[in-house]
Amino acid sequence: MIYKVVVTPDPEDGGFTVSCPAIPGCHSEGDTLEEALENIKDAIVGCVGVLNERASRQQGCNVIDVSV
C-alpha cells in the first residue's frame, strides 16, 4: 500500500516535519528530507500496528486480515 504524506520545512528549527493524513495522529520529523521520509515510514508501520492490535481486541467481532 502507498500512503501520501505531507512534508513541511521547519523554518525555526530547521529540518522537516511530516504527517500522514490517512492516519490521524501519525507524524514524524527529520533533519533532512530523506531522514524525515524514513522516519514517517517507521511511524506509519507503528501506527498501523497499534490500530491492528486495538482491532484484534474487539469483543464479539470477527477480525479478518485483508490485503490491499
Protein backbone atom coordinates (compact mmCIF):
# COMPACT_ATOMS: atom_id res chain seq x y z
CA MET A 1 0.00 0.00 0.00
CA ILE A 2 1.20 3.52 -0.75
CA TYR A 3 0.43 6.42 1.60
CA LYS A 4 0.51 10.11 0.77
CA VAL A 5 2.48 12.21 3.27
CA VAL A 6 2.71 15.96 3.78
CA VAL A 7 6.21 17.36 4.25
CA THR A 8 6.69 20.82 5.73
CA PRO A 9 10.03 22.60 6.12
CA ASP A 10 10.59 23.82 9.70
CA PRO A 11 12.00 27.36 9.33
CA GLU A 12 12.56 27.84 13.09
CA ASP A 13 14.40 24.63 13.98
CA GLY A 14 15.47 23.51 10.52
CA GLY A 15 14.68 20.10 9.13
CA PHE A 16 11.26 18.87 8.15
CA THR A 17 8.04 17.74 9.78
CA VAL A 18 5.96 15.11 8.02
CA SER A 19 2.49 13.68 8.59
CA CYS A 20 0.29 11.02 7.05
CA PRO A 21 -3.26 12.39 6.62
CA ALA A 22 -4.70 8.88 6.12
CA ILE A 23 -3.69 8.01 9.69
CA PRO A 24 -4.72 10.77 12.13
CA GLY A 25 -2.00 11.46 14.67
CA CYS A 26 0.76 9.89 12.57
CA HIS A 27 3.59 12.44 12.47
CA SER A 28 7.37 12.47 12.43
CA GLU A 29 10.32 14.71 11.64
CA GLY A 30 13.90 14.68 10.43
CA ASP A 31 16.91 16.90 9.91
CA THR A 32 16.87 16.13 6.17
CA LEU A 33 14.07 15.26 3.77
CA GLU A 34 15.45 11.74 3.43
CA GLU A 35 15.55 11.26 7.20
CA ALA A 36 12.02 12.64 7.60
CA LEU A 37 10.70 10.23 4.96
CA GLU A 38 12.41 7.24 6.60
CA ASN A 39 11.04 8.31 9.98
CA ILE A 40 7.46 8.63 8.71
CA LYS A 41 7.70 5.13 7.24
CA ASP A 42 8.57 3.83 10.71
CA ALA A 43 5.76 5.91 12.22
CA ILE A 44 3.22 4.55 9.71
CA VAL A 45 4.23 0.96 10.48
CA GLY A 46 3.93 1.68 14.20
CA CYS A 47 0.57 3.43 13.92
CA VAL A 48 -0.93 0.69 11.74
CA GLY A 49 0.40 -1.94 14.15
CA VAL A 50 -1.29 -0.22 17.10
CA LEU A 51 -4.55 0.15 15.19
CA ASN A 52 -4.49 -3.53 14.19
CA GLU A 53 -3.79 -4.56 17.78
CA ARG A 54 -6.73 -2.49 19.01
CA ALA A 55 -8.98 -4.03 16.36
CA SER A 56 -7.96 -7.56 17.36
CA ARG A 57 -9.12 -6.87 20.93
CA GLN A 58 -12.70 -6.10 19.86
CA GLN A 59 -15.06 -8.36 21.80
CA GLY A 60 -17.84 -10.14 19.93
CA CYS A 61 -16.44 -9.37 16.47
CA ASN A 62 -14.65 -11.39 13.83
CA VAL A 63 -11.34 -9.82 12.87
CA ILE A 64 -10.19 -10.81 9.38
CA ASP A 65 -6.94 -9.84 7.61
CA VAL A 66 -7.43 -8.19 4.21
CA SER A 67 -4.63 -7.39 1.77
CA VAL A 68 -4.91 -4.24 -0.36
